[in-house]
Amino acid sequence: MAHREIRDQGHEALLEGRIYTRKWQDKDGTDRYTTEITADHHHHAQLEERR
């Protein structure tokens, strides 16, 4: 699966998919956690400017 970066900061997006959290240890033995989002579908929302 290809990785694609969302470049438009400040815009809302709806993601449908799964969230995984993994626990691992770094070289010093400290517990670390990584959260990964696997999106099956994504939608970009365009919001109306509020005045």
PDB file of N, CA and C in Angstrom:
ATOM      1  N   MET A   1       0.848  -1.181   0.000  1.00  0.00           N
ATOM      2  CA  MET A   1       0.000   0.000   0.000  1.00  0.00           C
ATOM      3  C   MET A   1       0.889   1.238   0.000  1.00  0.00           C
ATOM      4  N   ALA A   2       0.547   2.188  -0.800  1.00  0.00           N
ATOM      5  CA  ALA A   2       1.341   3.412  -0.913  1.00  0.00           C
ATOM      6  C   ALA A   2       1.016   4.370   0.223  1.00  0.00           C
ATOM      7  N   HIS A   3       1.998   5.147   0.612  1.00  0.00           N
ATOM      8  CA  HIS A   3       1.829   6.171   1.645  1.00  0.00           C
ATOM      9  C   HIS A   3       1.621   7.501   0.948  1.00  0.00           C
ATOM     10  N   ARG A   4       0.600   8.231   1.348  1.00  0.00           N
ATOM     11  CA  ARG A   4       0.334   9.538   0.746  1.00  0.00           C
ATOM     12  C   ARG A   4       0.167  10.561   1.846  1.00  0.00           C
ATOM     13  N   GLU A   5       0.865  11.656   1.715  1.00  0.00           N
ATOM     14  CA  GLU A   5       0.835  12.709   2.722  1.00  0.00           C
ATOM     15  C   GLU A   5      -0.260  13.713   2.383  1.00  0.00           C
ATOM     16  N   ILE A   6      -1.046  14.087   3.403  1.00  0.00           N
ATOM     17  CA  ILE A   6      -2.051  15.131   3.215  1.00  0.00           C
ATOM     18  C   ILE A   6      -1.351  16.467   3.417  1.00  0.00           C
ATOM     19  N   ARG A   7      -1.327  17.299   2.405  1.00  0.00           N
ATOM     20  CA  ARG A   7      -0.537  18.524   2.429  1.00  0.00           C
ATOM     21  C   ARG A   7      -1.319  19.765   2.817  1.00  0.00           C
ATOM     22  N   ASP A   8      -2.624  19.709   2.799  1.00  0.00           N
ATOM     23  CA  ASP A   8      -3.432  20.886   3.102  1.00  0.00           C
ATOM     24  C   ASP A   8      -3.717  20.962   4.587  1.00  0.00           C
ATOM     25  N   GLN A   9      -2.895  21.670   5.310  1.00  0.00           N
ATOM     26  CA  GLN A   9      -3.096  21.805   6.742  1.00  0.00           C
ATOM     27  C   GLN A   9      -4.301  22.707   6.996  1.00  0.00           C
ATOM     28  N   GLY A  10      -5.029  22.394   8.054  1.00  0.00           N
ATOM     29  CA  GLY A  10      -6.166  23.205   8.419  1.00  0.00           C
ATOM     30  C   GLY A  10      -7.474  22.756   7.796  1.00  0.00           C
ATOM     31  N   HIS A  11      -7.433  21.769   6.906  1.00  0.00           N
ATOM     32  CA  HIS A  11      -8.650  21.237   6.314  1.00  0.00           C
ATOM     33  C   HIS A  11      -9.030  19.955   7.035  1.00  0.00           C
ATOM     34  N   GLU A  12     -10.331  19.767   7.214  1.00  0.00           N
ATOM     35  CA  GLU A  12     -10.803  18.564   7.889  1.00  0.00           C
ATOM     36  C   GLU A  12     -10.865  17.405   6.913  1.00  0.00           C
ATOM     37  N   ALA A  13     -10.627  16.202   7.453  1.00  0.00           N
ATOM     38  CA  ALA A  13     -10.705  14.989   6.648  1.00  0.00           C
ATOM     39  C   ALA A  13     -11.409  13.918   7.470  1.00  0.00           C
ATOM     40  N   LEU A  14     -12.175  13.086   6.803  1.00  0.00           N
ATOM     41  CA  LEU A  14     -12.840  11.958   7.426  1.00  0.00           C
ATOM     42  C   LEU A  14     -12.131  10.695   6.955  1.00  0.00           C
ATOM     43  N   LEU A  15     -11.649   9.886   7.897  1.00  0.00           N
ATOM     44  CA  LEU A  15     -10.965   8.643   7.568  1.00  0.00           C
ATOM     45  C   LEU A  15     -11.794   7.473   8.068  1.00  0.00           C
ATOM     46  N   GLU A  16     -11.912   6.455   7.234  1.00  0.00           N
ATOM     47  CA  GLU A  16     -12.570   5.218   7.627  1.00  0.00           C
ATOM     48  C   GLU A  16     -11.538   4.113   7.532  1.00  0.00           C
ATOM     49  N   GLY A  17     -11.358   3.370   8.635  1.00  0.00           N
ATOM     50  CA  GLY A  17     -10.371   2.302   8.611  1.00  0.00           C
ATOM     51  C   GLY A  17     -10.124   1.757   9.997  1.00  0.00           C
ATOM     52  N   ARG A  18      -8.851   1.434  10.281  1.00  0.00           N
ATOM     53  CA  ARG A  18      -8.488   0.814  11.544  1.00  0.00           C
ATOM     54  C   ARG A  18      -7.359   1.573  12.222  1.00  0.00           C
ATOM     55  N   ILE A  19      -7.340   1.499  13.562  1.00  0.00           N
ATOM     56  CA  ILE A  19      -6.264   2.084  14.357  1.00  0.00           C
ATOM     57  C   ILE A  19      -5.564   0.940  15.086  1.00  0.00           C
ATOM     58  N   TYR A  20      -4.245   0.899  14.963  1.00  0.00           N
ATOM     59  CA  TYR A  20      -3.445  -0.109  15.650  1.00  0.00           C
ATOM     60  C   TYR A  20      -2.472   0.600  16.589  1.00  0.00           C
ATOM     61  N   THR A  21      -2.305   0.063  17.788  1.00  0.00           N
ATOM     62  CA  THR A  21      -1.296   0.573  18.712  1.00  0.00           C
ATOM     63  C   THR A  21      -0.342  -0.571  19.035  1.00  0.00           C
ATOM     64  N   ARG A  22       0.948  -0.325  18.830  1.00  0.00           N
ATOM     65  CA  ARG A  22       1.969  -1.332  19.111  1.00  0.00           C
ATOM     66  C   ARG A  22       2.863  -0.862  20.243  1.00  0.00           C
ATOM     67  N   LYS A  23       3.264  -1.798  21.093  1.00  0.00           N
ATOM     68  CA  LYS A  23       4.207  -1.516  22.164  1.00  0.00           C
ATOM     69  C   LYS A  23       5.541  -2.152  21.784  1.00  0.00           C
ATOM     70  N   TRP A  24       6.633  -1.393  21.965  1.00  0.00           N
ATOM     71  CA  TRP A  24       7.960  -1.907  21.664  1.00  0.00           C
ATOM     72  C   TRP A  24       8.961  -1.289  22.616  1.00  0.00           C
ATOM     73  N   GLN A  25      10.161  -1.812  22.638  1.00  0.00           N
ATOM     74  CA  GLN A  25      11.203  -1.287  23.514  1.00  0.00           C
ATOM     75  C   GLN A  25      12.337  -0.720  22.678  1.00  0.00           C
ATOM     76  N   ASP A  26      12.817   0.455  23.095  1.00  0.00           N
ATOM     77  CA  ASP A  26      13.948   1.050  22.390  1.00  0.00           C
ATOM     78  C   ASP A  26      15.244   0.395  22.866  1.00  0.00           C
ATOM     79  N   LYS A  27      16.373   0.864  22.349  1.00  0.00           N
ATOM     80  CA  LYS A  27      17.662   0.228  22.658  1.00  0.00           C
ATOM     81  C   LYS A  27      18.031   0.319  24.135  1.00  0.00           C
ATOM     82  N   ASP A  28      17.423   1.261  24.862  1.00  0.00           N
ATOM     83  CA  ASP A  28      17.689   1.400  26.300  1.00  0.00           C
ATOM     84  C   ASP A  28      16.710   0.599  27.155  1.00  0.00           C
ATOM     85  N   GLY A  29      15.775  -0.102  26.525  1.00  0.00           N
ATOM     86  CA  GLY A  29      14.807  -0.902  27.251  1.00  0.00           C
ATOM     87  C   GLY A  29      13.576  -0.140  27.684  1.00  0.00           C
ATOM     88  N   THR A  30      13.427   1.099  27.227  1.00  0.00           N
ATOM     89  CA  THR A  30      12.259   1.907  27.572  1.00  0.00           C
ATOM     90  C   THR A  30      11.078   1.511  26.703  1.00  0.00           C
ATOM     91  N   ASP A  31       9.912   1.310  27.338  1.00  0.00           N
ATOM     92  CA  ASP A  31       8.709   0.984  26.581  1.00  0.00           C
ATOM     93  C   ASP A  31       8.275   2.185  25.750  1.00  0.00           C
ATOM     94  N   ARG A  32       7.972   1.926  24.494  1.00  0.00           N
ATOM     95  CA  ARG A  32       7.489   2.949  23.557  1.00  0.00           C
ATOM     96  C   ARG A  32       6.205   2.436  22.917  1.00  0.00           C
ATOM     97  N   TYR A  33       5.395   3.360  22.449  1.00  0.00           N
ATOM     98  CA  TYR A  33       4.145   3.002  21.804  1.00  0.00           C
ATOM     99  C   TYR A  33       4.057   3.723  20.463  1.00  0.00           C
ATOM    100  N   THR A  34       3.559   3.016  19.468  1.00  0.00           N
ATOM    101  CA  THR A  34       3.350   3.589  18.140  1.00  0.00           C
ATOM    102  C   THR A  34       1.898   3.345  17.761  1.00  0.00           C
ATOM    103  N   THR A  35       1.223   4.384  17.304  1.00  0.00           N
ATOM    104  CA  THR A  35      -0.154   4.252  16.836  1.00  0.00           C
ATOM    105  C   THR A  35      -0.160   4.458  15.327  1.00  0.00           C
ATOM    106  N   GLU A  36      -0.765   3.506  14.624  1.00  0.00           N
ATOM    107  CA  GLU A  36      -0.828   3.560  13.163  1.00  0.00           C
ATOM    108  C   GLU A  36      -2.293   3.597  12.736  1.00  0.00           C
ATOM    109  N   ILE A  37      -2.584   4.414  11.759  1.00  0.00           N
ATOM    110  CA  ILE A  37      -3.936   4.493  11.202  1.00  0.00           C
ATOM    111  C   ILE A  37      -3.870   3.940   9.786  1.00  0.00           C
ATOM    112  N   THR A  38      -4.707   2.940   9.524  1.00  0.00           N
ATOM    113  CA  THR A  38      -4.817   2.379   8.186  1.00  0.00           C
ATOM    114  C   THR A  38      -6.170   2.801   7.638  1.00  0.00           C
ATOM    115  N   ALA A  39      -6.159   3.690   6.676  1.00  0.00           N
ATOM    116  CA  ALA A  39      -7.404   4.230   6.126  1.00  0.00           C
ATOM    117  C   ALA A  39      -7.820   3.438   4.889  1.00  0.00           C
ATOM    118  N   ASP A  40      -9.045   2.939   4.927  1.00  0.00           N
ATOM    119  CA  ASP A  40      -9.609   2.271   3.758  1.00  0.00           C
ATOM    120  C   ASP A  40     -10.227   3.290   2.805  1.00  0.00           C
ATOM    121  N   HIS A  41     -10.794   4.343   3.386  1.00  0.00           N
ATOM    122  CA  HIS A  41     -11.431   5.416   2.606  1.00  0.00           C
ATOM    123  C   HIS A  41     -11.117   6.741   3.279  1.00  0.00           C
ATOM    124  N   HIS A  42     -10.987   7.785   2.481  1.00  0.00           N
ATOM    125  CA  HIS A  42     -10.811   9.121   3.048  1.00  0.00           C
ATOM    126  C   HIS A  42     -11.603  10.134   2.233  1.00  0.00           C
ATOM    127  N   HIS A  43     -12.089  11.133   2.936  1.00  0.00           N
ATOM    128  CA  HIS A  43     -12.876  12.200   2.323  1.00  0.00           C
ATOM    129  C   HIS A  43     -12.356  13.524   2.856  1.00  0.00           C
ATOM    130  N   HIS A  44     -12.141  14.475   1.969  1.00  0.00           N
ATOM    131  CA  HIS A  44     -11.705  15.806   2.377  1.00  0.00           C
ATOM    132  C   HIS A  44     -12.929  16.712   2.431  1.00  0.00           C
ATOM    133  N   ALA A  45     -13.047  17.440   3.514  1.00  0.00           N
ATOM    134  CA  ALA A  45     -14.187  18.342   3.693  1.00  0.00           C
ATOM    135  C   ALA A  45     -13.760  19.764   3.389  1.00  0.00           C
ATOM    136  N   GLN A  46     -14.597  20.472   2.682  1.00  0.00           N
ATOM    137  CA  GLN A  46     -14.370  21.893   2.458  1.00  0.00           C
ATOM    138  C   GLN A  46     -15.364  22.639   3.322  1.00  0.00           C
ATOM    139  N   LEU A  47     -14.839  23.422   4.236  1.00  0.00           N
ATOM    140  CA  LEU A  47     -15.701  24.156   5.148  1.00  0.00           C
ATOM    141  C   LEU A  47     -15.934  25.564   4.627  1.00  0.00           C
ATOM    142  N   GLU A  48     -17.145  26.060   4.848  1.00  0.00           N
ATOM    143  CA  GLU A  48     -17.434  27.438   4.473  1.00  0.00           C
ATOM    144  C   GLU A  48     -16.732  28.363   5.443  1.00  0.00           C
ATOM    145  N   GLU A  49     -16.215  29.453   4.934  1.00  0.00           N
ATOM    146  CA  GLU A  49     -15.554  30.431   5.779  1.00  0.00           C
ATOM    147  C   GLU A  49     -16.587  31.118   6.653  1.00  0.00           C
ATOM    148  N   ARG A  50     -16.323  31.178   7.948  1.00  0.00           N
ATOM    149  CA  ARG A  50     -17.241  31.823   8.881  1.00  0.00           C
ATOM    150  C   ARG A  50     -16.846  33.275   9.051  1.00  0.00           C
ATOM    151  N   ARG A  51     -17.830  34.134   9.075  1.00  0.00           N
ATOM    152  CA  ARG A  51     -17.570  35.572   9.230  1.00  0.00           C
ATOM    153  C   ARG A  51     -18.098  36.060  10.526  1.00  0.00           C
TER     154      ARG A  51
END
